[in-house]
Amino acid sequence: MWLPTADDREEGCNMLLYHGSTIDIREIDLRQSKPNKDFGCGFYLSDDRRQAMDMAEFKAFQIGGTPVLNVYEFDENLLHAVTFKVKTFEGYSKEWAQFVFENRNAPNGDSVHDYDIVYGPIANDRVGLQIRRYMEKEITFDTFLERLKYMKGVTYQYFFGTERAITQLRKL
């Protein structure tokens, strides 16, 4: 399988994004998205094939079924296009932690923003516990930020939160 290099991406070639699941997702339906996730209610992908496969295997372990790696092609230039509203977090920061906190605690489960695409680090799997501890003032915001960091090192995710953004993903 061909994978784009950094040089290819500068020329505007498409990138591959992966979504780990237990089903083959031919058409993305945002209504199936789970509420109160890191960047809100939307469709999440990774450019790290192994990370996405790990997620698929974890889902299969949790709910049964067979791990499925869904692969999509996406024009990376759209992350910088004025036609899309994109938010990028280059790393763990107070702004990122606040964004995750707000989305994880949205009262109606919807996203607390109107971005088409959000790119940034994945939060620790135990984010719910850390949110509770922060809200109950057991830990400071700085401690909250530190504990949100993903245990396996920095791993990034792509959030597609609008139908307009979803149409830019081509299933392979």
N, C-alpha and C. Protein backbone atom coordinates (compact mmCIF):
# COMPACT_ATOMS: atom_id res chain seq x y z
N MET A 1 0.84 -1.18 0.00
CA MET A 1 0.00 0.00 0.00
C MET A 1 0.88 1.24 0.00
N TRP A 2 0.49 2.23 -0.82
CA TRP A 2 1.25 3.47 -0.91
C TRP A 2 0.87 4.36 0.26
N LEU A 3 1.87 4.90 0.93
CA LEU A 3 1.64 5.86 2.00
C LEU A 3 2.35 7.16 1.64
N PRO A 4 1.66 8.29 1.78
CA PRO A 4 2.29 9.56 1.43
C PRO A 4 3.42 9.92 2.39
N THR A 5 4.47 10.49 1.85
CA THR A 5 5.57 10.98 2.67
C THR A 5 5.34 12.45 2.96
N ALA A 6 6.16 13.03 3.81
CA ALA A 6 6.04 14.46 4.11
C ALA A 6 6.20 15.28 2.84
N ASP A 7 7.13 14.89 1.95
CA ASP A 7 7.33 15.61 0.70
C ASP A 7 6.09 15.54 -0.18
N ASP A 8 5.45 14.37 -0.24
CA ASP A 8 4.24 14.21 -1.02
C ASP A 8 3.15 15.14 -0.52
N ARG A 9 3.02 15.25 0.80
CA ARG A 9 1.97 16.06 1.39
C ARG A 9 2.16 17.53 1.04
N GLU A 10 3.41 17.99 0.99
CA GLU A 10 3.66 19.39 0.64
C GLU A 10 3.18 19.68 -0.77
N GLU A 11 3.21 18.69 -1.65
CA GLU A 11 2.76 18.86 -3.02
C GLU A 11 1.25 18.75 -3.13
N GLY A 12 0.56 18.44 -2.02
CA GLY A 12 -0.89 18.40 -2.04
C GLY A 12 -1.47 17.02 -2.25
N CYS A 13 -0.68 15.99 -2.10
CA CYS A 13 -1.22 14.64 -2.24
C CYS A 13 -2.15 14.33 -1.08
N ASN A 14 -3.01 13.39 -1.31
CA ASN A 14 -3.95 12.97 -0.28
C ASN A 14 -3.26 12.18 0.81
N MET A 15 -3.82 12.25 2.00
CA MET A 15 -3.31 11.48 3.12
C MET A 15 -4.31 10.38 3.45
N LEU A 16 -3.82 9.37 4.13
CA LEU A 16 -4.68 8.28 4.57
C LEU A 16 -5.03 8.48 6.04
N LEU A 17 -6.30 8.29 6.34
CA LEU A 17 -6.78 8.36 7.71
C LEU A 17 -7.50 7.05 8.02
N TYR A 18 -7.41 6.62 9.28
CA TYR A 18 -7.92 5.32 9.69
C TYR A 18 -8.93 5.46 10.82
N HIS A 19 -9.94 4.58 10.80
CA HIS A 19 -10.94 4.53 11.86
C HIS A 19 -11.10 3.07 12.27
N GLY A 20 -10.78 2.78 13.53
CA GLY A 20 -10.92 1.42 14.04
C GLY A 20 -12.32 1.17 14.54
N SER A 21 -12.89 0.02 14.15
CA SER A 21 -14.26 -0.30 14.51
C SER A 21 -14.46 -1.81 14.48
N THR A 22 -15.70 -2.21 14.63
CA THR A 22 -16.06 -3.62 14.42
C THR A 22 -16.98 -3.75 13.22
N ILE A 23 -17.17 -2.64 12.50
CA ILE A 23 -18.00 -2.68 11.29
C ILE A 23 -17.29 -1.94 10.15
N ASP A 24 -17.60 -2.36 8.94
CA ASP A 24 -17.11 -1.69 7.75
C ASP A 24 -18.02 -0.48 7.50
N ILE A 25 -17.47 0.71 7.63
CA ILE A 25 -18.27 1.92 7.52
C ILE A 25 -18.18 2.45 6.09
N ARG A 26 -19.21 2.16 5.30
CA ARG A 26 -19.26 2.61 3.92
C ARG A 26 -19.71 4.07 3.83
N GLU A 27 -20.72 4.42 4.63
CA GLU A 27 -21.22 5.79 4.67
C GLU A 27 -21.21 6.26 6.11
N ILE A 28 -20.56 7.37 6.35
CA ILE A 28 -20.44 7.91 7.70
C ILE A 28 -21.74 8.62 8.05
N ASP A 29 -22.31 8.25 9.19
CA ASP A 29 -23.55 8.85 9.68
C ASP A 29 -23.25 9.52 11.02
N LEU A 30 -23.18 10.83 11.01
CA LEU A 30 -22.84 11.56 12.23
C LEU A 30 -23.87 11.35 13.34
N ARG A 31 -25.08 10.93 12.99
CA ARG A 31 -26.10 10.66 14.02
C ARG A 31 -25.72 9.45 14.87
N GLN A 32 -24.80 8.63 14.38
CA GLN A 32 -24.35 7.45 15.13
C GLN A 32 -23.20 7.78 16.09
N SER A 33 -22.71 9.01 16.03
CA SER A 33 -21.57 9.43 16.85
C SER A 33 -21.96 9.48 18.32
N LYS A 34 -21.01 9.12 19.15
CA LYS A 34 -21.24 9.14 20.59
C LYS A 34 -21.04 10.55 21.13
N PRO A 35 -21.84 10.94 22.10
CA PRO A 35 -21.71 12.29 22.68
C PRO A 35 -20.55 12.38 23.67
N ASN A 36 -20.19 13.61 23.97
CA ASN A 36 -19.22 13.92 25.02
C ASN A 36 -17.85 13.28 24.82
N LYS A 37 -17.34 13.38 23.63
CA LYS A 37 -15.98 12.92 23.34
C LYS A 37 -15.03 14.11 23.36
N ASP A 38 -13.73 13.85 23.21
CA ASP A 38 -12.70 14.88 23.34
C ASP A 38 -13.03 16.17 22.60
N PHE A 39 -13.39 16.05 21.32
CA PHE A 39 -13.63 17.23 20.50
C PHE A 39 -15.11 17.38 20.16
N GLY A 40 -15.95 16.63 20.83
CA GLY A 40 -17.38 16.72 20.62
C GLY A 40 -17.92 15.51 19.89
N CYS A 41 -19.16 15.63 19.48
CA CYS A 41 -19.86 14.56 18.80
C CYS A 41 -19.52 14.62 17.31
N GLY A 42 -18.81 13.60 16.83
CA GLY A 42 -18.38 13.59 15.44
C GLY A 42 -17.71 12.28 15.09
N PHE A 43 -17.04 12.25 13.95
CA PHE A 43 -16.36 11.06 13.45
C PHE A 43 -14.86 11.25 13.65
N TYR A 44 -14.22 10.29 14.33
CA TYR A 44 -12.81 10.40 14.70
C TYR A 44 -11.96 9.45 13.87
N LEU A 45 -10.79 9.96 13.46
CA LEU A 45 -9.84 9.17 12.68
C LEU A 45 -8.43 9.45 13.17
N SER A 46 -7.50 8.61 12.73
CA SER A 46 -6.10 8.78 13.07
C SER A 46 -5.27 8.59 11.80
N ASP A 47 -4.13 9.27 11.74
CA ASP A 47 -3.22 8.99 10.63
C ASP A 47 -2.23 7.89 11.02
N ASP A 48 -2.41 7.34 12.22
CA ASP A 48 -1.57 6.26 12.74
C ASP A 48 -2.34 4.94 12.61
N ARG A 49 -1.96 4.16 11.63
CA ARG A 49 -2.64 2.90 11.35
C ARG A 49 -2.68 1.98 12.57
N ARG A 50 -1.56 1.86 13.28
CA ARG A 50 -1.48 0.98 14.45
C ARG A 50 -2.43 1.43 15.56
N GLN A 51 -2.49 2.73 15.80
CA GLN A 51 -3.38 3.25 16.83
C GLN A 51 -4.83 2.93 16.50
N ALA A 52 -5.21 3.10 15.24
CA ALA A 52 -6.59 2.81 14.83
C ALA A 52 -6.89 1.31 14.95
N MET A 53 -5.91 0.48 14.60
CA MET A 53 -6.12 -0.96 14.73
C MET A 53 -6.24 -1.36 16.20
N ASP A 54 -5.45 -0.74 17.05
CA ASP A 54 -5.56 -1.00 18.49
C ASP A 54 -6.97 -0.66 18.98
N MET A 55 -7.53 0.43 18.49
CA MET A 55 -8.88 0.83 18.87
C MET A 55 -9.90 -0.21 18.38
N ALA A 56 -9.72 -0.68 17.16
CA ALA A 56 -10.63 -1.69 16.62
C ALA A 56 -10.57 -2.97 17.46
N GLU A 57 -9.38 -3.37 17.83
CA GLU A 57 -9.22 -4.58 18.66
C GLU A 57 -9.84 -4.38 20.04
N PHE A 58 -9.69 -3.18 20.61
CA PHE A 58 -10.28 -2.88 21.91
C PHE A 58 -11.80 -2.91 21.83
N LYS A 59 -12.38 -2.33 20.76
CA LYS A 59 -13.83 -2.35 20.59
C LYS A 59 -14.34 -3.78 20.44
N ALA A 60 -13.62 -4.59 19.67
CA ALA A 60 -14.02 -5.99 19.49
C ALA A 60 -13.98 -6.73 20.83
N PHE A 61 -12.98 -6.44 21.64
CA PHE A 61 -12.88 -7.05 22.96
C PHE A 61 -14.05 -6.61 23.84
N GLN A 62 -14.41 -5.32 23.77
CA GLN A 62 -15.48 -4.77 24.60
C GLN A 62 -16.85 -5.29 24.21
N ILE A 63 -17.16 -5.23 22.93
CA ILE A 63 -18.53 -5.51 22.50
C ILE A 63 -18.67 -6.78 21.65
N GLY A 64 -17.56 -7.43 21.38
CA GLY A 64 -17.60 -8.61 20.51
C GLY A 64 -17.45 -8.21 19.06
N GLY A 65 -17.30 -9.21 18.22
CA GLY A 65 -17.14 -8.93 16.80
C GLY A 65 -15.69 -9.02 16.38
N THR A 66 -15.45 -8.62 15.17
CA THR A 66 -14.13 -8.69 14.57
C THR A 66 -13.61 -7.28 14.33
N PRO A 67 -12.34 -7.03 14.63
CA PRO A 67 -11.78 -5.69 14.38
C PRO A 67 -11.79 -5.37 12.88
N VAL A 68 -12.17 -4.14 12.56
CA VAL A 68 -12.19 -3.67 11.18
C VAL A 68 -11.45 -2.35 11.11
N LEU A 69 -10.52 -2.25 10.18
CA LEU A 69 -9.78 -1.01 9.96
C LEU A 69 -10.37 -0.32 8.73
N ASN A 70 -11.09 0.77 8.95
CA ASN A 70 -11.66 1.55 7.86
C ASN A 70 -10.61 2.56 7.41
N VAL A 71 -10.39 2.65 6.10
CA VAL A 71 -9.35 3.53 5.56
C VAL A 71 -10.02 4.56 4.64
N TYR A 72 -9.63 5.82 4.83
CA TYR A 72 -10.18 6.92 4.05
C TYR A 72 -9.04 7.75 3.50
N GLU A 73 -9.31 8.37 2.38
CA GLU A 73 -8.37 9.30 1.78
C GLU A 73 -8.91 10.70 2.00
N PHE A 74 -8.00 11.64 2.29
CA PHE A 74 -8.39 13.01 2.59
C PHE A 74 -7.34 13.96 2.04
N ASP A 75 -7.79 15.03 1.42
CA ASP A 75 -6.88 16.05 0.89
C ASP A 75 -6.44 16.95 2.04
N GLU A 76 -5.22 16.78 2.46
CA GLU A 76 -4.67 17.51 3.60
C GLU A 76 -4.69 19.02 3.40
N ASN A 77 -4.69 19.48 2.16
CA ASN A 77 -4.74 20.92 1.89
C ASN A 77 -6.01 21.57 2.44
N LEU A 78 -7.07 20.76 2.61
CA LEU A 78 -8.33 21.31 3.13
C LEU A 78 -8.21 21.76 4.58
N LEU A 79 -7.18 21.29 5.27
CA LEU A 79 -6.96 21.73 6.65
C LEU A 79 -6.56 23.20 6.70
N HIS A 80 -6.13 23.73 5.57
CA HIS A 80 -5.70 25.13 5.49
C HIS A 80 -6.59 25.95 4.57
N ALA A 81 -7.66 25.35 4.07
CA ALA A 81 -8.55 26.06 3.14
C ALA A 81 -9.50 26.98 3.91
N VAL A 82 -9.79 28.11 3.33
CA VAL A 82 -10.69 29.06 3.99
C VAL A 82 -12.14 28.58 3.96
N THR A 83 -12.43 27.57 3.15
CA THR A 83 -13.80 27.07 3.04
C THR A 83 -14.18 26.17 4.22
N PHE A 84 -13.21 25.77 5.02
CA PHE A 84 -13.49 24.92 6.17
C PHE A 84 -13.02 25.61 7.44
N LYS A 85 -13.79 25.44 8.50
CA LYS A 85 -13.41 25.97 9.80
C LYS A 85 -12.67 24.85 10.53
N VAL A 86 -11.36 25.07 10.74
CA VAL A 86 -10.49 24.04 11.30
C VAL A 86 -9.82 24.57 12.56
N LYS A 87 -9.77 23.73 13.58
CA LYS A 87 -9.06 24.05 14.82
C LYS A 87 -7.93 23.04 14.97
N THR A 88 -6.73 23.52 15.23
CA THR A 88 -5.57 22.65 15.37
C THR A 88 -4.92 22.88 16.73
N PHE A 89 -4.66 21.78 17.42
CA PHE A 89 -3.89 21.79 18.66
C PHE A 89 -2.60 21.03 18.37
N GLU A 90 -1.48 21.73 18.36
CA GLU A 90 -0.19 21.11 18.03
C GLU A 90 0.33 20.20 19.13
N GLY A 91 -0.20 20.33 20.32
CA GLY A 91 0.23 19.51 21.44
C GLY A 91 -0.66 19.75 22.64
N TYR A 92 -0.29 19.15 23.74
CA TYR A 92 -1.04 19.34 24.98
C TYR A 92 -0.84 20.79 25.45
N SER A 93 -1.92 21.45 25.76
CA SER A 93 -1.86 22.83 26.23
C SER A 93 -3.07 23.08 27.11
N LYS A 94 -3.05 24.21 27.80
CA LYS A 94 -4.21 24.58 28.61
C LYS A 94 -5.44 24.78 27.73
N GLU A 95 -5.23 25.38 26.56
CA GLU A 95 -6.36 25.59 25.64
C GLU A 95 -6.95 24.26 25.21
N TRP A 96 -6.10 23.28 24.88
CA TRP A 96 -6.56 21.94 24.49
C TRP A 96 -7.34 21.30 25.64
N ALA A 97 -6.79 21.34 26.86
CA ALA A 97 -7.44 20.72 28.02
C ALA A 97 -8.80 21.35 28.28
N GLN A 98 -8.89 22.67 28.15
CA GLN A 98 -10.17 23.35 28.36
C GLN A 98 -11.17 22.93 27.29
N PHE A 99 -10.72 22.80 26.05
CA PHE A 99 -11.57 22.38 24.94
C PHE A 99 -12.11 20.97 25.19
N VAL A 100 -11.23 20.06 25.60
CA VAL A 100 -11.64 18.68 25.91
C VAL A 100 -12.63 18.69 27.08
N PHE A 101 -12.31 19.43 28.12
CA PHE A 101 -13.17 19.51 29.30
C PHE A 101 -14.57 19.97 28.91
N GLU A 102 -14.66 21.03 28.12
CA GLU A 102 -15.97 21.57 27.72
C GLU A 102 -16.76 20.59 26.86
N ASN A 103 -16.09 19.92 25.93
CA ASN A 103 -16.79 18.95 25.08
C ASN A 103 -17.21 17.72 25.86
N ARG A 104 -16.37 17.27 26.77
CA ARG A 104 -16.70 16.10 27.58
C ARG A 104 -17.85 16.38 28.55
N ASN A 105 -18.07 17.66 28.86
CA ASN A 105 -19.11 18.04 29.82
C ASN A 105 -20.29 18.77 29.19
N ALA A 106 -20.40 18.77 27.89
CA ALA A 106 -21.51 19.45 27.24
C ALA A 106 -22.82 18.84 27.73
N PRO A 107 -23.71 19.66 28.27
CA PRO A 107 -24.95 19.14 28.86
C PRO A 107 -25.82 18.32 27.91
N ASN A 108 -25.89 18.71 26.64
CA ASN A 108 -26.72 17.97 25.70
C ASN A 108 -25.93 16.94 24.89
N GLY A 109 -24.62 16.83 25.13
CA GLY A 109 -23.78 15.86 24.43
C GLY A 109 -23.26 16.32 23.09
N ASP A 110 -23.75 17.46 22.61
CA ASP A 110 -23.29 17.99 21.32
C ASP A 110 -21.92 18.65 21.50
N SER A 111 -21.31 18.99 20.40
CA SER A 111 -20.05 19.73 20.43
C SER A 111 -20.31 21.14 20.94
N VAL A 112 -19.32 21.71 21.61
CA VAL A 112 -19.45 23.07 22.12
C VAL A 112 -18.80 24.08 21.16
N HIS A 113 -18.63 23.68 19.92
CA HIS A 113 -17.98 24.52 18.91
C HIS A 113 -18.64 24.26 17.56
N ASP A 114 -18.23 25.03 16.57
CA ASP A 114 -18.79 24.85 15.23
C ASP A 114 -17.71 24.56 14.18
N TYR A 115 -16.61 23.97 14.61
CA TYR A 115 -15.53 23.62 13.67
C TYR A 115 -15.96 22.45 12.80
N ASP A 116 -15.55 22.49 11.54
CA ASP A 116 -15.77 21.36 10.64
C ASP A 116 -14.81 20.23 11.00
N ILE A 117 -13.55 20.60 11.26
CA ILE A 117 -12.49 19.62 11.54
C ILE A 117 -11.67 20.12 12.71
N VAL A 118 -11.33 19.21 13.62
CA VAL A 118 -10.42 19.53 14.72
C VAL A 118 -9.32 18.49 14.70
N TYR A 119 -8.08 18.95 14.87
CA TYR A 119 -6.92 18.08 14.91
C TYR A 119 -6.17 18.35 16.20
N GLY A 120 -5.84 17.28 16.92
CA GLY A 120 -5.09 17.47 18.15
C GLY A 120 -4.87 16.16 18.88
N PRO A 121 -4.20 16.23 20.03
CA PRO A 121 -3.86 15.02 20.78
C PRO A 121 -5.09 14.29 21.33
N ILE A 122 -4.94 13.00 21.48
CA ILE A 122 -5.95 12.17 22.13
C ILE A 122 -5.75 12.30 23.63
N ALA A 123 -6.86 12.39 24.36
CA ALA A 123 -6.80 12.44 25.82
C ALA A 123 -6.69 11.03 26.39
N ASN A 124 -6.19 10.95 27.59
CA ASN A 124 -6.08 9.71 28.34
C ASN A 124 -7.45 9.01 28.40
N ASP A 125 -7.44 7.69 28.33
CA ASP A 125 -8.68 6.92 28.37
C ASP A 125 -9.47 7.12 29.66
N ARG A 126 -8.83 7.58 30.71
CA ARG A 126 -9.51 7.76 31.99
C ARG A 126 -9.92 9.22 32.21
N VAL A 127 -10.26 9.90 31.13
CA VAL A 127 -10.57 11.33 31.21
C VAL A 127 -11.77 11.60 32.11
N GLY A 128 -12.76 10.74 32.13
CA GLY A 128 -13.94 10.95 32.96
C GLY A 128 -13.61 11.10 34.43
N LEU A 129 -12.72 10.26 34.93
CA LEU A 129 -12.29 10.34 36.32
C LEU A 129 -11.60 11.67 36.60
N GLN A 130 -10.74 12.10 35.68
CA GLN A 130 -10.00 13.35 35.87
C GLN A 130 -10.94 14.56 35.84
N ILE A 131 -11.95 14.51 34.98
CA ILE A 131 -12.93 15.59 34.93
C ILE A 131 -13.68 15.69 36.26
N ARG A 132 -14.10 14.56 36.78
CA ARG A 132 -14.81 14.55 38.06
C ARG A 132 -13.92 15.12 39.16
N ARG A 133 -12.67 14.69 39.20
CA ARG A 133 -11.75 15.16 40.24
C ARG A 133 -11.50 16.67 40.11
N TYR A 134 -11.41 17.16 38.89
CA TYR A 134 -11.21 18.60 38.68
C TYR A 134 -12.46 19.37 39.11
N MET A 135 -13.64 18.90 38.70
CA MET A 135 -14.88 19.58 39.05
C MET A 135 -15.12 19.62 40.56
N GLU A 136 -14.69 18.57 41.24
CA GLU A 136 -14.85 18.51 42.70
C GLU A 136 -13.70 19.19 43.43
N LYS A 137 -12.83 19.85 42.64
CA LYS A 137 -11.70 20.62 43.16
C LYS A 137 -10.70 19.75 43.95
N GLU A 138 -10.62 18.47 43.57
CA GLU A 138 -9.62 17.58 44.17
C GLU A 138 -8.25 17.79 43.54
N ILE A 139 -8.25 18.29 42.29
CA ILE A 139 -7.00 18.55 41.58
C ILE A 139 -7.09 19.92 40.92
N THR A 140 -5.93 20.53 40.66
CA THR A 140 -5.88 21.82 39.98
C THR A 140 -6.02 21.62 38.48
N PHE A 141 -6.21 22.72 37.75
CA PHE A 141 -6.30 22.62 36.29
C PHE A 141 -4.99 22.11 35.70
N ASP A 142 -3.86 22.54 36.24
CA ASP A 142 -2.56 22.07 35.73
C ASP A 142 -2.41 20.56 35.93
N THR A 143 -2.85 20.05 37.07
CA THR A 143 -2.81 18.60 37.32
C THR A 143 -3.76 17.89 36.36
N PHE A 144 -4.94 18.49 36.15
CA PHE A 144 -5.91 17.95 35.20
C PHE A 144 -5.28 17.81 33.82
N LEU A 145 -4.60 18.86 33.36
CA LEU A 145 -3.93 18.83 32.07
C LEU A 145 -2.91 17.70 32.01
N GLU A 146 -2.08 17.57 33.01
CA GLU A 146 -1.05 16.52 33.03
C GLU A 146 -1.67 15.13 32.97
N ARG A 147 -2.76 14.93 33.68
CA ARG A 147 -3.39 13.61 33.74
C ARG A 147 -4.21 13.27 32.50
N LEU A 148 -4.50 14.28 31.68
CA LEU A 148 -5.21 14.02 30.43
C LEU A 148 -4.30 13.48 29.34
N LYS A 149 -3.02 13.65 29.51
CA LYS A 149 -2.08 13.22 28.46
C LYS A 149 -2.17 11.71 28.27
N TYR A 150 -2.20 11.32 27.02
CA TYR A 150 -2.34 9.92 26.65
C TYR A 150 -1.14 9.12 27.16
N MET A 151 -1.41 8.01 27.81
CA MET A 151 -0.36 7.23 28.47
C MET A 151 0.68 6.64 27.52
N LYS A 152 0.30 6.43 26.26
CA LYS A 152 1.21 5.81 25.30
C LYS A 152 2.04 6.84 24.54
N GLY A 153 2.05 8.07 25.00
CA GLY A 153 2.75 9.14 24.29
C GLY A 153 1.75 9.95 23.48
N VAL A 154 2.22 11.00 22.87
CA VAL A 154 1.32 11.87 22.11
C VAL A 154 0.85 11.14 20.86
N THR A 155 -0.44 10.98 20.75
CA THR A 155 -1.08 10.42 19.57
C THR A 155 -2.17 11.39 19.15
N TYR A 156 -2.24 11.69 17.88
CA TYR A 156 -3.17 12.71 17.39
C TYR A 156 -4.41 12.08 16.78
N GLN A 157 -5.47 12.87 16.78
CA GLN A 157 -6.73 12.44 16.20
C GLN A 157 -7.30 13.55 15.32
N TYR A 158 -8.10 13.13 14.36
CA TYR A 158 -8.82 14.03 13.49
C TYR A 158 -10.29 13.87 13.79
N PHE A 159 -10.96 14.97 14.03
CA PHE A 159 -12.39 15.00 14.30
C PHE A 159 -13.07 15.64 13.09
N PHE A 160 -14.06 14.97 12.54
CA PHE A 160 -14.87 15.51 11.46
C PHE A 160 -16.27 15.67 12.03
N GLY A 161 -16.72 16.92 12.19
CA GLY A 161 -17.94 17.16 12.92
C GLY A 161 -19.11 17.69 12.13
N THR A 162 -18.94 17.88 10.82
CA THR A 162 -20.04 18.38 10.00
C THR A 162 -20.19 17.51 8.75
N GLU A 163 -21.39 17.52 8.21
CA GLU A 163 -21.64 16.77 6.98
C GLU A 163 -20.71 17.26 5.86
N ARG A 164 -20.48 18.56 5.83
CA ARG A 164 -19.59 19.15 4.82
C ARG A 164 -18.19 18.56 4.92
N ALA A 165 -17.69 18.39 6.13
CA ALA A 165 -16.36 17.82 6.33
C ALA A 165 -16.35 16.34 5.96
N ILE A 166 -17.39 15.63 6.36
CA ILE A 166 -17.47 14.18 6.09
C ILE A 166 -17.41 13.89 4.59
N THR A 167 -18.00 14.77 3.78
CA THR A 167 -18.01 14.53 2.33
C THR A 167 -16.61 14.57 1.72
N GLN A 168 -15.64 15.07 2.48
CA GLN A 168 -14.26 15.15 1.99
C GLN A 168 -13.47 13.86 2.23
N LEU A 169 -14.07 12.90 2.92
CA LEU A 169 -13.42 11.61 3.17
C LEU A 169 -13.85 10.62 2.09
N ARG A 170 -12.87 9.98 1.45
CA ARG A 170 -13.18 9.00 0.42
C ARG A 170 -12.78 7.62 0.92
N LYS A 171 -13.77 6.75 1.06
CA LYS A 171 -13.54 5.39 1.56
C LYS A 171 -12.70 4.60 0.55
N LEU A 172 -11.66 3.94 1.05
CA LEU A 172 -10.82 3.09 0.19
C LEU A 172 -11.16 1.64 0.44
